[in-house]
Amino acid sequence: MNTKKRHHLIIGLFFVFITCLFFFLHFLQDKDRDSFLQIEQHYPEIAKALIKDVHYKIPNLEETLTIETKSKKVQIGKDMVPQGLTFSEDYGFISAYSEGKKYHSVIYVLDKKTGKHLKTIVLPDTPHLGGLAYDPVGKNLWMTTETTDDGAQLSALSIKQIEEDHFEKTKKAITYQHQIALTDLSKASFLAYYESNLVVGHFKKENEGTLVSYPLNDEGLPEQAKQNNPAETRGADSKKEKAEIIEKLQGVTFYQDQILFSQSYGQTASQLFFTKNNLEKDPTAYTEKDFTDVVEFPPYLEQIVAHDNRLYVLFESSALPYRHKLKTIPIDEVLVFDLTKLKK
């Protein structure tokens, strides 16, 4: 090949490289566009139910002040992944863990009315924090954690603890108010509060998972033994319920006379399932044939919370490990849907 041809080839390859780079950067920019526009473009069926005037932005997952696991020093966590979502009377809570377990897990505290990020609670360890639930009677924030031997556990912080915690000043992790090891489950993956019960689910990728409803006693703690005396527990339903559930469930919530489940794994579309709430009848399982409605959502759907005809939805797709995957729509805020418009 002579010098002139080689020169033309180099110029041609350079232009091909520049063109590919342009389209790749344009692709990344398109993926980082406003969450609402992404939903409207790719999921028009659920876009009609979006409520756009309610905003809960997920705090910066790559700039989270936390504690480095090995050194125990305060550092900026750069690989935080959002998992759990719940609300109290005044606050919104979003949990996040370090994808590489390099940093302590955290809970972002938001103003419920404005969505403003008020503070970050740094936990004493590195749980996955797949589920959050708020008990309005006991004033406790419950979360799914792990025991020292990696078993299922629920841990709680009181609202008083949360309000008095100031990690940016003290540089110290908070201490759990309660830690309850669960004997019915090998893992506690997701969580919800329902009529003085903590409903806990075990996520399984390929096989059936398990859903257990633990009634809370007068001290606000979950009862693990079968309760035969209604006076022993706070709620109207004193029975502990246990049922098998389908694979890949990430969240559960309750709306009117229905149970809603979120199902998600990997880059495929997520699903929102509706089924009749018959927990009080002690069902043995919830399977595909029990679902009355199925709604498709973007990938990486995590915890869901139903309240006042609204569904609050959290995704993990804005986290660094997932944001730039080809089929991912990075959603960096809690999306809110009108449940009356969401069902088919």
C-alpha atoms as a PDB file:
ATOM      1  CA  MET A   1       0.000   0.000   0.000  1.00  0.00           C
ATOM      2  CA  ASN A   2       1.481   3.346  -1.041  1.00  0.00           C
ATOM      3  CA  THR A   3       1.707   6.366   1.236  1.00  0.00           C
ATOM      4  CA  LYS A   4      -1.257   8.187  -0.360  1.00  0.00           C
ATOM      5  CA  LYS A   5      -3.640   5.223   0.065  1.00  0.00           C
ATOM      6  CA  ARG A   6      -2.453   4.705   3.629  1.00  0.00           C
ATOM      7  CA  HIS A   7      -3.119   8.386   4.332  1.00  0.00           C
ATOM      8  CA  HIS A   8      -6.672   8.130   2.933  1.00  0.00           C
ATOM      9  CA  LEU A   9      -7.305   4.959   4.961  1.00  0.00           C
ATOM     10  CA  ILE A  10      -6.199   6.650   8.184  1.00  0.00           C
ATOM     11  CA  ILE A  11      -8.440   9.644   7.476  1.00  0.00           C
ATOM     12  CA  GLY A  12     -11.363   7.325   6.718  1.00  0.00           C
ATOM     13  CA  LEU A  13     -10.890   5.342   9.917  1.00  0.00           C
ATOM     14  CA  PHE A  14     -10.631   8.587  11.882  1.00  0.00           C
ATOM     15  CA  PHE A  15     -13.983   9.798  10.538  1.00  0.00           C
ATOM     16  CA  VAL A  16     -15.579   6.418  11.286  1.00  0.00           C
ATOM     17  CA  PHE A  17     -14.273   6.667  14.857  1.00  0.00           C
ATOM     18  CA  ILE A  18     -15.585  10.231  15.272  1.00  0.00           C
ATOM     19  CA  THR A  19     -18.987   9.232  13.871  1.00  0.00           C
ATOM     20  CA  CYS A  20     -19.272   6.232  16.207  1.00  0.00           C
ATOM     21  CA  LEU A  21     -18.186   8.366  19.155  1.00  0.00           C
ATOM     22  CA  PHE A  22     -20.809  10.991  18.294  1.00  0.00           C
ATOM     23  CA  PHE A  23     -23.628   8.454  18.149  1.00  0.00           C
ATOM     24  CA  PHE A  24     -22.447   6.771  21.365  1.00  0.00           C
ATOM     25  CA  LEU A  25     -22.374  10.077  23.263  1.00  0.00           C
ATOM     26  CA  HIS A  26     -25.759  10.978  21.805  1.00  0.00           C
ATOM     27  CA  PHE A  27     -27.067   7.605  22.989  1.00  0.00           C
ATOM     28  CA  LEU A  28     -25.802   8.241  26.529  1.00  0.00           C
ATOM     29  CA  GLN A  29     -27.260  11.744  26.515  1.00  0.00           C
ATOM     30  CA  ASP A  30     -30.620  10.377  25.369  1.00  0.00           C
ATOM     31  CA  LYS A  31     -30.564   7.799  28.170  1.00  0.00           C
ATOM     32  CA  ASP A  32     -30.004  10.541  30.756  1.00  0.00           C
ATOM     33  CA  ARG A  33     -32.949  12.668  29.640  1.00  0.00           C
ATOM     34  CA  ASP A  34     -35.838  13.558  31.895  1.00  0.00           C
ATOM     35  CA  SER A  35     -37.493  10.471  33.397  1.00  0.00           C
ATOM     36  CA  PHE A  36     -40.958  11.605  32.330  1.00  0.00           C
ATOM     37  CA  LEU A  37     -39.909  11.921  28.687  1.00  0.00           C
ATOM     38  CA  GLN A  38     -38.350   8.478  28.797  1.00  0.00           C
ATOM     39  CA  ILE A  39     -41.546   6.929  30.152  1.00  0.00           C
ATOM     40  CA  GLU A  40     -43.725   8.749  27.613  1.00  0.00           C
ATOM     41  CA  GLN A  41     -41.544   7.573  24.742  1.00  0.00           C
ATOM     42  CA  HIS A  42     -40.967   3.954  25.749  1.00  0.00           C
ATOM     43  CA  TYR A  43     -43.967   3.117  27.983  1.00  0.00           C
ATOM     44  CA  PRO A  44     -46.966   5.149  26.744  1.00  0.00           C
ATOM     45  CA  GLU A  45     -49.453   2.815  28.461  1.00  0.00           C
ATOM     46  CA  ILE A  46     -48.294   3.839  31.928  1.00  0.00           C
ATOM     47  CA  ALA A  47     -47.370   7.411  30.961  1.00  0.00           C
ATOM     48  CA  LYS A  48     -51.050   8.374  31.004  1.00  0.00           C
ATOM     49  CA  ALA A  49     -51.135   7.616  34.732  1.00  0.00           C
ATOM     50  CA  LEU A  50     -48.004   9.620  35.635  1.00  0.00           C
ATOM     51  CA  ILE A  51     -48.463  12.435  38.160  1.00  0.00           C
ATOM     52  CA  LYS A  52     -45.835  14.990  37.186  1.00  0.00           C
ATOM     53  CA  ASP A  53     -46.232  17.561  39.944  1.00  0.00           C
ATOM     54  CA  VAL A  54     -44.866  15.281  42.697  1.00  0.00           C
ATOM     55  CA  HIS A  55     -41.077  14.981  42.791  1.00  0.00           C
ATOM     56  CA  TYR A  56     -38.794  12.874  44.969  1.00  0.00           C
ATOM     57  CA  LYS A  57     -35.346  13.037  43.419  1.00  0.00           C
ATOM     58  CA  ILE A  58     -32.988  10.232  44.424  1.00  0.00           C
ATOM     59  CA  PRO A  59     -29.919  11.891  46.035  1.00  0.00           C
ATOM     60  CA  ASN A  60     -26.603  11.659  44.203  1.00  0.00           C
ATOM     61  CA  LEU A  61     -25.645   7.986  44.360  1.00  0.00           C
ATOM     62  CA  GLU A  62     -22.018   8.709  43.450  1.00  0.00           C
ATOM     63  CA  GLU A  63     -21.486  11.455  46.046  1.00  0.00           C
ATOM     64  CA  THR A  64     -22.907   9.939  49.233  1.00  0.00           C
ATOM     65  CA  LEU A  65     -21.117  10.756  52.474  1.00  0.00           C
ATOM     66  CA  THR A  66     -20.804   7.464  54.347  1.00  0.00           C
ATOM     67  CA  ILE A  67     -18.209   5.208  56.022  1.00  0.00           C
ATOM     68  CA  GLU A  68     -15.653   3.053  54.207  1.00  0.00           C
ATOM     69  CA  THR A  69     -16.074  -0.523  55.410  1.00  0.00           C
ATOM     70  CA  LYS A  70     -12.443  -1.542  55.948  1.00  0.00           C
ATOM     71  CA  SER A  71     -10.873   1.669  57.220  1.00  0.00           C
ATOM     72  CA  LYS A  72     -13.988   2.836  59.114  1.00  0.00           C
ATOM     73  CA  LYS A  73     -13.195   6.339  57.876  1.00  0.00           C
ATOM     74  CA  VAL A  74     -15.728   8.800  56.485  1.00  0.00           C
ATOM     75  CA  GLN A  75     -15.562   8.768  52.690  1.00  0.00           C
ATOM     76  CA  ILE A  76     -17.643   9.562  49.622  1.00  0.00           C
ATOM     77  CA  GLY A  77     -19.504   6.454  48.455  1.00  0.00           C
ATOM     78  CA  LYS A  78     -19.510   6.211  44.663  1.00  0.00           C
ATOM     79  CA  ASP A  79     -21.440   2.998  43.987  1.00  0.00           C
ATOM     80  CA  MET A  80     -24.672   3.335  45.981  1.00  0.00           C
ATOM     81  CA  VAL A  81     -27.732   1.465  44.675  1.00  0.00           C
ATOM     82  CA  PRO A  82     -31.283   2.514  45.726  1.00  0.00           C
ATOM     83  CA  GLN A  83     -33.522  -0.291  47.015  1.00  0.00           C
ATOM     84  CA  GLY A  84     -36.240   0.582  49.523  1.00  0.00           C
ATOM     85  CA  LEU A  85     -38.905   3.280  49.749  1.00  0.00           C
ATOM     86  CA  THR A  86     -41.462   4.347  52.338  1.00  0.00           C
ATOM     87  CA  PHE A  87     -43.057   7.426  53.903  1.00  0.00           C
ATOM     88  CA  SER A  88     -43.884   8.657  57.389  1.00  0.00           C
ATOM     89  CA  GLU A  89     -46.142  11.589  58.242  1.00  0.00           C
ATOM     90  CA  ASP A  90     -43.375  14.113  57.477  1.00  0.00           C
ATOM     91  CA  TYR A  91     -40.619  12.278  55.627  1.00  0.00           C
ATOM     92  CA  GLY A  92     -39.802  10.132  52.645  1.00  0.00           C
ATOM     93  CA  PHE A  93     -37.125   7.449  53.035  1.00  0.00           C
ATOM     94  CA  ILE A  94     -34.972   5.835  50.326  1.00  0.00           C
ATOM     95  CA  SER A  95     -32.482   3.115  51.263  1.00  0.00           C
ATOM     96  CA  ALA A  96     -29.279   2.373  49.348  1.00  0.00           C
ATOM     97  CA  TYR A  97     -26.419  -0.099  49.644  1.00  0.00           C
ATOM     98  CA  SER A  98     -22.895  -0.109  48.258  1.00  0.00           C
ATOM     99  CA  GLU A  99     -22.781  -2.391  45.208  1.00  0.00           C
ATOM    100  CA  GLY A 100     -19.314  -3.613  46.134  1.00  0.00           C
ATOM    101  CA  LYS A 101     -19.992  -3.575  49.903  1.00  0.00           C
ATOM    102  CA  LYS A 102     -17.161  -1.051  50.116  1.00  0.00           C
ATOM    103  CA  TYR A 103     -19.248   1.461  52.058  1.00  0.00           C
ATOM    104  CA  HIS A 104     -21.860   1.367  54.804  1.00  0.00           C
ATOM    105  CA  SER A 105     -25.486   1.298  53.667  1.00  0.00           C
ATOM    106  CA  VAL A 106     -27.519   4.486  54.046  1.00  0.00           C
ATOM    107  CA  ILE A 107     -31.021   5.893  54.237  1.00  0.00           C
ATOM    108  CA  TYR A 108     -31.740   9.190  52.495  1.00  0.00           C
ATOM    109  CA  VAL A 109     -34.285  11.298  54.386  1.00  0.00           C
ATOM    110  CA  LEU A 110     -36.450  13.596  52.244  1.00  0.00           C
ATOM    111  CA  ASP A 111     -39.017  16.240  53.091  1.00  0.00           C
ATOM    112  CA  LYS A 112     -42.350  14.606  52.261  1.00  0.00           C
ATOM    113  CA  LYS A 113     -43.932  17.833  50.992  1.00  0.00           C
ATOM    114  CA  THR A 114     -41.084  19.323  48.975  1.00  0.00           C
ATOM    115  CA  GLY A 115     -38.911  16.289  48.192  1.00  0.00           C
ATOM    116  CA  LYS A 116     -35.830  18.136  49.487  1.00  0.00           C
ATOM    117  CA  HIS A 117     -32.977  15.918  50.682  1.00  0.00           C
ATOM    118  CA  LEU A 118     -32.701  16.699  54.403  1.00  0.00           C
ATOM    119  CA  LYS A 119     -30.016  14.294  55.606  1.00  0.00           C
ATOM    120  CA  THR A 120     -28.401  10.902  55.104  1.00  0.00           C
ATOM    121  CA  ILE A 121     -28.533   8.271  57.843  1.00  0.00           C
ATOM    122  CA  VAL A 122     -25.447   6.032  57.820  1.00  0.00           C
ATOM    123  CA  LEU A 123     -26.122   2.531  59.131  1.00  0.00           C
ATOM    124  CA  PRO A 124     -23.637   0.512  61.227  1.00  0.00           C
ATOM    125  CA  ASP A 125     -23.199  -2.186  58.567  1.00  0.00           C
ATOM    126  CA  THR A 126     -23.714  -3.071  54.891  1.00  0.00           C
ATOM    127  CA  PRO A 127     -27.189  -4.654  54.492  1.00  0.00           C
ATOM    128  CA  HIS A 128     -28.828  -4.874  51.069  1.00  0.00           C
ATOM    129  CA  LEU A 129     -31.850  -2.931  52.432  1.00  0.00           C
ATOM    130  CA  GLY A 130     -34.287  -4.320  49.884  1.00  0.00           C
ATOM    131  CA  GLY A 131     -37.340  -3.104  51.796  1.00  0.00           C
ATOM    132  CA  LEU A 132     -38.487  -0.307  54.101  1.00  0.00           C
ATOM    133  CA  ALA A 133     -41.725   0.062  56.073  1.00  0.00           C
ATOM    134  CA  TYR A 134     -42.974   2.702  58.493  1.00  0.00           C
ATOM    135  CA  ASP A 135     -45.101   1.826  61.520  1.00  0.00           C
ATOM    136  CA  PRO A 136     -47.252   4.925  62.243  1.00  0.00           C
ATOM    137  CA  VAL A 137     -48.302   3.630  65.668  1.00  0.00           C
ATOM    138  CA  GLY A 138     -44.889   2.678  67.028  1.00  0.00           C
ATOM    139  CA  LYS A 139     -43.189   5.513  65.082  1.00  0.00           C
ATOM    140  CA  ASN A 140     -40.510   3.132  63.835  1.00  0.00           C
ATOM    141  CA  LEU A 141     -38.821   2.809  60.456  1.00  0.00           C
ATOM    142  CA  TRP A 142     -38.315  -0.905  59.744  1.00  0.00           C
ATOM    143  CA  MET A 143     -35.879  -2.294  57.187  1.00  0.00           C
ATOM    144  CA  THR A 144     -34.759  -5.677  55.882  1.00  0.00           C
ATOM    145  CA  THR A 145     -31.245  -6.513  57.069  1.00  0.00           C
ATOM    146  CA  GLU A 146     -29.077  -9.580  57.682  1.00  0.00           C
ATOM    147  CA  THR A 147     -27.872 -11.344  60.811  1.00  0.00           C
ATOM    148  CA  THR A 148     -24.153 -11.883  61.401  1.00  0.00           C
ATOM    149  CA  ASP A 149     -24.453 -15.309  59.727  1.00  0.00           C
ATOM    150  CA  ASP A 150     -26.318 -13.767  56.749  1.00  0.00           C
ATOM    151  CA  GLY A 151     -29.793 -14.861  57.850  1.00  0.00           C
ATOM    152  CA  ALA A 152     -33.084 -12.977  57.601  1.00  0.00           C
ATOM    153  CA  GLN A 153     -33.530 -10.046  59.942  1.00  0.00           C
ATOM    154  CA  LEU A 154     -35.624  -6.930  60.493  1.00  0.00           C
ATOM    155  CA  SER A 155     -34.056  -3.841  62.042  1.00  0.00           C
ATOM    156  CA  ALA A 156     -35.678  -0.602  63.155  1.00  0.00           C
ATOM    157  CA  LEU A 157     -34.864   3.030  63.852  1.00  0.00           C
ATOM    158  CA  SER A 158     -37.224   5.290  65.745  1.00  0.00           C
ATOM    159  CA  ILE A 159     -38.309   8.575  64.203  1.00  0.00           C
ATOM    160  CA  LYS A 160     -36.777  10.294  67.236  1.00  0.00           C
ATOM    161  CA  GLN A 161     -33.416   8.685  66.444  1.00  0.00           C
ATOM    162  CA  ILE A 162     -33.647   9.762  62.818  1.00  0.00           C
ATOM    163  CA  GLU A 163     -34.522  13.348  63.674  1.00  0.00           C
ATOM    164  CA  GLU A 164     -31.674  13.617  66.188  1.00  0.00           C
ATOM    165  CA  ASP A 165     -29.028  12.006  63.956  1.00  0.00           C
ATOM    166  CA  HIS A 166     -26.516  14.355  62.288  1.00  0.00           C
ATOM    167  CA  PHE A 167     -23.837  12.253  60.592  1.00  0.00           C
ATOM    168  CA  GLU A 168     -22.183  15.219  58.880  1.00  0.00           C
ATOM    169  CA  LYS A 169     -21.321  16.596  62.330  1.00  0.00           C
ATOM    170  CA  THR A 170     -20.756  13.460  64.417  1.00  0.00           C
ATOM    171  CA  LYS A 171     -19.175  11.270  61.703  1.00  0.00           C
ATOM    172  CA  LYS A 172     -20.680   8.277  63.513  1.00  0.00           C
ATOM    173  CA  ALA A 173     -23.061   5.608  62.227  1.00  0.00           C
ATOM    174  CA  ILE A 174     -26.452   5.335  63.869  1.00  0.00           C
ATOM    175  CA  THR A 175     -27.339   2.389  66.151  1.00  0.00           C
ATOM    176  CA  TYR A 176     -30.385   0.198  65.482  1.00  0.00           C
ATOM    177  CA  GLN A 177     -33.155   0.484  68.054  1.00  0.00           C
ATOM    178  CA  HIS A 178     -34.366  -3.058  67.342  1.00  0.00           C
ATOM    179  CA  GLN A 179     -32.921  -6.098  65.555  1.00  0.00           C
ATOM    180  CA  ILE A 180     -35.179  -9.128  65.118  1.00  0.00           C
ATOM    181  CA  ALA A 181     -33.871 -12.343  63.544  1.00  0.00           C
ATOM    182  CA  LEU A 182     -36.594 -14.103  61.515  1.00  0.00           C
ATOM    183  CA  THR A 183     -36.954 -17.869  61.798  1.00  0.00           C
ATOM    184  CA  ASP A 184     -39.463 -18.395  58.953  1.00  0.00           C
ATOM    185  CA  LEU A 185     -37.270 -16.985  56.188  1.00  0.00           C
ATOM    186  CA  SER A 186     -33.708 -17.580  55.061  1.00  0.00           C
ATOM    187  CA  LYS A 187     -33.596 -14.047  53.601  1.00  0.00           C
ATOM    188  CA  ALA A 188     -35.662 -10.899  54.139  1.00  0.00           C
ATOM    189  CA  SER A 189     -35.745  -9.277  50.699  1.00  0.00           C
ATOM    190  CA  PHE A 190     -38.668  -6.836  50.701  1.00  0.00           C
ATOM    191  CA  LEU A 191     -41.094  -5.353  53.185  1.00  0.00           C
ATOM    192  CA  ALA A 192     -44.399  -3.507  53.674  1.00  0.00           C
ATOM    193  CA  TYR A 193     -46.592  -2.295  56.527  1.00  0.00           C
ATOM    194  CA  TYR A 194     -50.251  -3.319  56.461  1.00  0.00           C
ATOM    195  CA  GLU A 195     -52.785  -2.863  59.271  1.00  0.00           C
ATOM    196  CA  SER A 196     -50.330  -3.327  62.160  1.00  0.00           C
ATOM    197  CA  ASN A 197     -48.507  -6.135  60.362  1.00  0.00           C
ATOM    198  CA  LEU A 198     -45.045  -6.244  58.836  1.00  0.00           C
ATOM    199  CA  VAL A 199     -45.271  -8.190  55.575  1.00  0.00           C
ATOM    200  CA  VAL A 200     -41.892  -9.639  54.596  1.00  0.00           C
ATOM    201  CA  GLY A 201     -40.962 -11.327  51.328  1.00  0.00           C
ATOM    202  CA  HIS A 202     -38.061 -13.521  50.241  1.00  0.00           C
ATOM    203  CA  PHE A 203     -36.876 -12.871  46.663  1.00  0.00           C
ATOM    204  CA  LYS A 204     -35.798 -15.912  44.676  1.00  0.00           C
ATOM    205  CA  LYS A 205     -34.462 -15.707  41.145  1.00  0.00           C
ATOM    206  CA  GLU A 206     -35.648 -19.058  39.785  1.00  0.00           C
ATOM    207  CA  ASN A 207     -37.840 -20.751  42.391  1.00  0.00           C
ATOM    208  CA  GLU A 208     -40.857 -19.775  44.455  1.00  0.00           C
ATOM    209  CA  GLY A 209     -40.255 -17.242  47.196  1.00  0.00           C
ATOM    210  CA  THR A 210     -42.080 -16.803  50.487  1.00  0.00           C
ATOM    211  CA  LEU A 211     -44.319 -14.085  51.941  1.00  0.00           C
ATOM    212  CA  VAL A 212     -44.847 -13.865  55.713  1.00  0.00           C
ATOM    213  CA  SER A 213     -47.092 -11.440  57.596  1.00  0.00           C
ATOM    214  CA  TYR A 214     -45.947 -10.725  61.168  1.00  0.00           C
ATOM    215  CA  PRO A 215     -48.503  -9.032  63.473  1.00  0.00           C
ATOM    216  CA  LEU A 216     -47.049  -6.287  65.673  1.00  0.00           C
ATOM    217  CA  ASN A 217     -47.552  -6.424  69.423  1.00  0.00           C
ATOM    218  CA  ASP A 218     -48.235  -3.519  71.784  1.00  0.00           C
ATOM    219  CA  GLU A 219     -44.517  -2.810  71.956  1.00  0.00           C
ATOM    220  CA  GLY A 220     -44.417  -2.447  68.173  1.00  0.00           C
ATOM    221  CA  LEU A 221     -42.384  -5.617  67.641  1.00  0.00           C
ATOM    222  CA  PRO A 222     -43.206  -8.432  65.185  1.00  0.00           C
ATOM    223  CA  GLU A 223     -44.607 -11.643  66.695  1.00  0.00           C
ATOM    224  CA  GLN A 224     -43.135 -14.768  65.120  1.00  0.00           C
ATOM    225  CA  ALA A 225     -45.196 -17.383  66.933  1.00  0.00           C
ATOM    226  CA  LYS A 226     -48.749 -18.200  65.850  1.00  0.00           C
ATOM    227  CA  GLN A 227     -51.067 -15.896  67.806  1.00  0.00           C
ATOM    228  CA  ASN A 228     -54.408 -17.306  68.947  1.00  0.00           C
ATOM    229  CA  ASN A 229     -55.433 -14.458  71.244  1.00  0.00           C
ATOM    230  CA  PRO A 230     -56.257 -11.167  69.439  1.00  0.00           C
ATOM    231  CA  ALA A 231     -55.359  -9.259  72.616  1.00  0.00           C
ATOM    232  CA  GLU A 232     -51.749 -10.343  72.185  1.00  0.00           C
ATOM    233  CA  THR A 233     -51.301  -8.226  69.069  1.00  0.00           C
ATOM    234  CA  ARG A 234     -52.193  -4.721  67.963  1.00  0.00           C
ATOM    235  CA  GLY A 235     -54.033  -5.363  64.708  1.00  0.00           C
ATOM    236  CA  ALA A 236     -57.483  -6.782  64.071  1.00  0.00           C
ATOM    237  CA  ASP A 237     -55.923  -9.834  62.406  1.00  0.00           C
ATOM    238  CA  SER A 238     -53.803 -11.571  65.031  1.00  0.00           C
ATOM    239  CA  LYS A 239     -52.756 -14.499  62.850  1.00  0.00           C
ATOM    240  CA  LYS A 240     -49.320 -14.816  61.349  1.00  0.00           C
ATOM    241  CA  GLU A 241     -49.782 -15.664  57.663  1.00  0.00           C
ATOM    242  CA  LYS A 242     -47.371 -17.444  55.326  1.00  0.00           C
ATOM    243  CA  ALA A 243     -47.706 -18.019  51.576  1.00  0.00           C
ATOM    244  CA  GLU A 244     -45.582 -19.045  48.614  1.00  0.00           C
ATOM    245  CA  ILE A 245     -45.011 -16.398  45.916  1.00  0.00           C
ATOM    246  CA  ILE A 246     -43.689 -16.466  42.362  1.00  0.00           C
ATOM    247  CA  GLU A 247     -40.044 -15.872  41.509  1.00  0.00           C
ATOM    248  CA  LYS A 248     -38.258 -12.505  41.108  1.00  0.00           C
ATOM    249  CA  LEU A 249     -40.591 -10.407  43.265  1.00  0.00           C
ATOM    250  CA  GLN A 250     -38.997  -7.185  44.519  1.00  0.00           C
ATOM    251  CA  GLY A 251     -41.776  -5.415  46.397  1.00  0.00           C
ATOM    252  CA  VAL A 252     -45.288  -5.611  47.826  1.00  0.00           C
ATOM    253  CA  THR A 253     -47.913  -3.036  48.772  1.00  0.00           C
ATOM    254  CA  PHE A 254     -51.625  -2.923  49.580  1.00  0.00           C
ATOM    255  CA  TYR A 255     -54.362  -0.934  47.825  1.00  0.00           C
ATOM    256  CA  GLN A 256     -58.047  -1.163  48.727  1.00  0.00           C
ATOM    257  CA  ASP A 257     -58.884  -4.894  48.576  1.00  0.00           C
ATOM    258  CA  GLN A 258     -55.818  -5.809  46.514  1.00  0.00           C
ATOM    259  CA  ILE A 259     -52.177  -6.751  46.891  1.00  0.00           C
ATOM    260  CA  LEU A 260     -49.678  -5.359  44.390  1.00  0.00           C
ATOM    261  CA  PHE A 261     -46.358  -7.077  43.650  1.00  0.00           C
ATOM    262  CA  SER A 262     -43.398  -5.721  41.675  1.00  0.00           C
ATOM    263  CA  GLN A 263     -41.365  -8.234  39.675  1.00  0.00           C
ATOM    264  CA  SER A 264     -38.006  -7.413  38.158  1.00  0.00           C
ATOM    265  CA  TYR A 265     -34.637  -8.909  37.347  1.00  0.00           C
ATOM    266  CA  GLY A 266     -31.999  -7.703  34.901  1.00  0.00           C
ATOM    267  CA  GLN A 267     -32.611  -5.671  31.756  1.00  0.00           C
ATOM    268  CA  THR A 268     -35.963  -7.177  30.797  1.00  0.00           C
ATOM    269  CA  ALA A 269     -39.177  -5.231  31.394  1.00  0.00           C
ATOM    270  CA  SER A 270     -40.530  -5.237  34.938  1.00  0.00           C
ATOM    271  CA  GLN A 271     -44.074  -6.256  35.851  1.00  0.00           C
ATOM    272  CA  LEU A 272     -46.629  -4.898  38.299  1.00  0.00           C
ATOM    273  CA  PHE A 273     -49.118  -7.557  39.420  1.00  0.00           C
ATOM    274  CA  PHE A 274     -52.545  -7.003  40.983  1.00  0.00           C
ATOM    275  CA  THR A 275     -54.239  -9.740  42.990  1.00  0.00           C
ATOM    276  CA  LYS A 276     -57.072  -9.973  45.489  1.00  0.00           C
ATOM    277  CA  ASN A 277     -56.011  -9.448  49.102  1.00  0.00           C
ATOM    278  CA  ASN A 278     -57.007 -12.606  50.944  1.00  0.00           C
ATOM    279  CA  LEU A 279     -54.163 -12.728  53.466  1.00  0.00           C
ATOM    280  CA  GLU A 280     -56.665 -13.032  56.317  1.00  0.00           C
ATOM    281  CA  LYS A 281     -57.875 -16.316  54.816  1.00  0.00           C
ATOM    282  CA  ASP A 282     -54.385 -17.775  55.182  1.00  0.00           C
ATOM    283  CA  PRO A 283     -53.677 -18.520  51.483  1.00  0.00           C
ATOM    284  CA  THR A 284     -51.040 -21.102  50.667  1.00  0.00           C
ATOM    285  CA  ALA A 285     -49.702 -19.340  47.559  1.00  0.00           C
ATOM    286  CA  TYR A 286     -49.943 -16.434  45.119  1.00  0.00           C
ATOM    287  CA  THR A 287     -49.356 -17.627  41.555  1.00  0.00           C
ATOM    288  CA  GLU A 288     -49.809 -16.253  38.022  1.00  0.00           C
ATOM    289  CA  LYS A 289     -53.399 -17.505  37.869  1.00  0.00           C
ATOM    290  CA  ASP A 290     -54.273 -15.310  40.862  1.00  0.00           C
ATOM    291  CA  PHE A 291     -53.268 -12.057  39.157  1.00  0.00           C
ATOM    292  CA  THR A 292     -56.192  -9.938  37.976  1.00  0.00           C
ATOM    293  CA  ASP A 293     -54.051  -7.326  36.184  1.00  0.00           C
ATOM    294  CA  VAL A 294     -50.482  -7.132  34.884  1.00  0.00           C
ATOM    295  CA  VAL A 295     -48.854  -3.819  33.916  1.00  0.00           C
ATOM    296  CA  GLU A 296     -45.456  -3.536  32.212  1.00  0.00           C
ATOM    297  CA  PHE A 297     -42.837  -1.172  33.650  1.00  0.00           C
ATOM    298  CA  PRO A 298     -39.224  -0.297  32.770  1.00  0.00           C
ATOM    299  CA  PRO A 299     -36.437  -2.618  33.973  1.00  0.00           C
ATOM    300  CA  TYR A 300     -34.955  -2.496  37.477  1.00  0.00           C
ATOM    301  CA  LEU A 301     -38.196  -1.837  39.350  1.00  0.00           C
ATOM    302  CA  GLU A 302     -37.712  -2.097  43.127  1.00  0.00           C
ATOM    303  CA  GLN A 303     -40.018  -1.125  46.014  1.00  0.00           C
ATOM    304  CA  ILE A 304     -43.573   0.120  45.460  1.00  0.00           C
ATOM    305  CA  VAL A 305     -45.798   2.029  47.903  1.00  0.00           C
ATOM    306  CA  ALA A 306     -49.553   2.577  47.468  1.00  0.00           C
ATOM    307  CA  HIS A 307     -51.221   5.456  49.323  1.00  0.00           C
ATOM    308  CA  ASP A 308     -54.330   7.581  48.646  1.00  0.00           C
ATOM    309  CA  ASN A 309     -54.910   6.220  45.119  1.00  0.00           C
ATOM    310  CA  ARG A 310     -51.276   6.849  44.241  1.00  0.00           C
ATOM    311  CA  LEU A 311     -48.478   4.391  43.552  1.00  0.00           C
ATOM    312  CA  TYR A 312     -44.946   5.501  44.403  1.00  0.00           C
ATOM    313  CA  VAL A 313     -42.337   3.563  42.429  1.00  0.00           C
ATOM    314  CA  LEU A 314     -38.571   3.291  42.942  1.00  0.00           C
ATOM    315  CA  PHE A 315     -36.071   2.024  40.354  1.00  0.00           C
ATOM    316  CA  GLU A 316     -32.393   1.129  40.768  1.00  0.00           C
ATOM    317  CA  SER A 317     -31.596   1.958  37.129  1.00  0.00           C
ATOM    318  CA  SER A 318     -29.932   5.306  37.921  1.00  0.00           C
ATOM    319  CA  ALA A 319     -27.177   3.564  39.905  1.00  0.00           C
ATOM    320  CA  LEU A 320     -23.710   3.424  38.357  1.00  0.00           C
ATOM    321  CA  PRO A 321     -23.688  -0.392  37.831  1.00  0.00           C
ATOM    322  CA  TYR A 322     -26.830  -0.219  35.646  1.00  0.00           C
ATOM    323  CA  ARG A 323     -27.148   3.285  34.194  1.00  0.00           C
ATOM    324  CA  HIS A 324     -25.311   2.748  30.922  1.00  0.00           C
ATOM    325  CA  LYS A 325     -26.507  -0.740  30.059  1.00  0.00           C
ATOM    326  CA  LEU A 326     -28.050  -0.859  26.595  1.00  0.00           C
ATOM    327  CA  LYS A 327     -31.664  -1.571  27.557  1.00  0.00           C
ATOM    328  CA  THR A 328     -31.679   0.604  30.669  1.00  0.00           C
ATOM    329  CA  ILE A 329     -33.748   3.750  31.138  1.00  0.00           C
ATOM    330  CA  PRO A 330     -32.027   5.560  34.028  1.00  0.00           C
ATOM    331  CA  ILE A 331     -34.819   6.807  36.304  1.00  0.00           C
ATOM    332  CA  ASP A 332     -33.316   9.017  38.991  1.00  0.00           C
ATOM    333  CA  GLU A 333     -36.475   9.911  40.885  1.00  0.00           C
ATOM    334  CA  VAL A 334     -39.435   8.240  42.532  1.00  0.00           C
ATOM    335  CA  LEU A 335     -42.213   8.084  39.949  1.00  0.00           C
ATOM    336  CA  VAL A 336     -45.790   8.633  41.105  1.00  0.00           C
ATOM    337  CA  PHE A 337     -48.813   7.133  39.322  1.00  0.00           C
ATOM    338  CA  ASP A 338     -52.560   7.558  39.626  1.00  0.00           C
ATOM    339  CA  LEU A 339     -53.709   4.047  40.486  1.00  0.00           C
ATOM    340  CA  THR A 340     -57.185   4.659  39.105  1.00  0.00           C
ATOM    341  CA  LYS A 341     -55.615   5.237  35.668  1.00  0.00           C
ATOM    342  CA  LEU A 342     -52.845   2.663  35.891  1.00  0.00           C
ATOM    343  CA  LYS A 343     -54.959  -0.465  35.874  1.00  0.00           C
ATOM    344  CA  LYS A 344     -56.036  -1.792  32.498  1.00  0.00           C
END
